């Protein structure tokens, strides 16, 4: 009896998961200026060139534990 119940529950969960996977983000979420550039593309959506980069260039420095003493 438990096997049947959990099988039906698993099938129902997969059905709900697959249907909710079709829901997409709104235009307000996808078309914003401060969106993270995950793929390294130099062009914004619509073929326009980006005006500013979302990556901040800078220097790094090593902090030793001996300096804290």
Protein backbone atom coordinates (compact mmCIF):
# COMPACT_ATOMS: atom_id res chain seq x y z
CA UNK A 1 0.00 0.00 0.00
CA UNK A 2 2.87 2.39 0.80
CA UNK A 3 4.45 1.68 -2.58
CA UNK A 4 1.31 2.66 -4.44
CA UNK A 5 0.86 5.82 -2.38
CA UNK A 6 4.45 7.01 -2.86
CA UNK A 7 4.38 6.10 -6.56
CA UNK A 8 1.27 8.22 -7.09
CA UNK A 9 2.84 11.02 -5.03
CA UNK A 10 6.04 10.88 -7.12
CA UNK A 11 4.12 10.95 -10.42
CA UNK A 12 1.99 13.88 -9.20
CA UNK A 13 5.11 15.76 -8.04
CA UNK A 14 6.81 15.27 -11.41
CA UNK A 15 3.67 16.45 -13.21
CA UNK A 16 3.51 19.63 -11.09
CA UNK A 17 7.28 20.22 -11.49
CA UNK A 18 7.12 19.91 -15.29
CA UNK A 19 4.15 22.27 -15.56
CA UNK A 20 5.68 24.90 -13.26
CA UNK A 21 8.91 24.73 -15.26
CA UNK A 22 7.13 26.41 -18.17
CA UNK A 23 6.55 29.61 -16.17
CA UNK A 24 9.02 32.29 -17.21
CA UNK A 25 10.26 35.43 -15.51
CA UNK A 26 8.50 38.69 -16.23
CA UNK A 27 9.91 41.35 -18.58
CA UNK A 28 10.67 43.52 -15.55
CA UNK A 29 12.99 40.80 -14.22
CA UNK A 30 14.70 39.95 -17.51
CA UNK A 31 15.13 43.42 -19.08
CA UNK A 32 16.86 45.39 -16.36
CA UNK A 33 20.05 47.45 -16.48
CA UNK A 34 21.88 45.83 -13.55
CA UNK A 35 21.45 42.26 -14.75
CA UNK A 36 24.44 39.96 -14.19
CA UNK A 37 26.27 39.07 -17.41
CA UNK A 38 26.72 35.30 -16.94
CA UNK A 39 27.91 34.41 -20.42
CA UNK A 40 30.40 37.22 -21.07
CA UNK A 41 28.48 38.71 -23.96
CA UNK A 42 29.50 42.24 -24.94
CA UNK A 43 26.11 43.06 -26.44
CA UNK A 44 22.93 43.70 -24.55
CA UNK A 45 19.58 42.30 -25.63
CA UNK A 46 18.31 43.70 -28.90
CA UNK A 47 21.78 43.96 -30.45
CA UNK A 48 22.70 47.20 -28.69
CA UNK A 49 26.16 47.60 -27.25
CA UNK A 50 26.44 47.82 -23.48
CA UNK A 51 27.24 51.23 -22.08
CA UNK A 52 28.84 50.02 -18.87
CA UNK A 53 30.28 46.81 -17.49
CA UNK A 54 28.83 44.98 -14.51
CA UNK A 55 32.28 43.70 -13.53
CA UNK A 56 34.40 45.91 -11.31
CA UNK A 57 38.10 45.71 -12.08
CA UNK A 58 40.49 46.04 -9.16
CA UNK A 59 43.57 44.87 -7.36
CA UNK A 60 43.74 42.13 -4.75
CA UNK A 61 46.07 41.93 -1.80
CA UNK A 62 47.08 39.13 0.57
CA UNK A 63 46.19 39.59 4.22
CA UNK A 64 48.48 37.68 6.58
CA UNK A 65 47.43 36.54 10.01
CA UNK A 66 50.70 37.93 11.37
CA UNK A 67 49.56 41.48 10.52
CA UNK A 68 46.60 41.16 12.87
CA UNK A 69 48.73 40.48 15.99
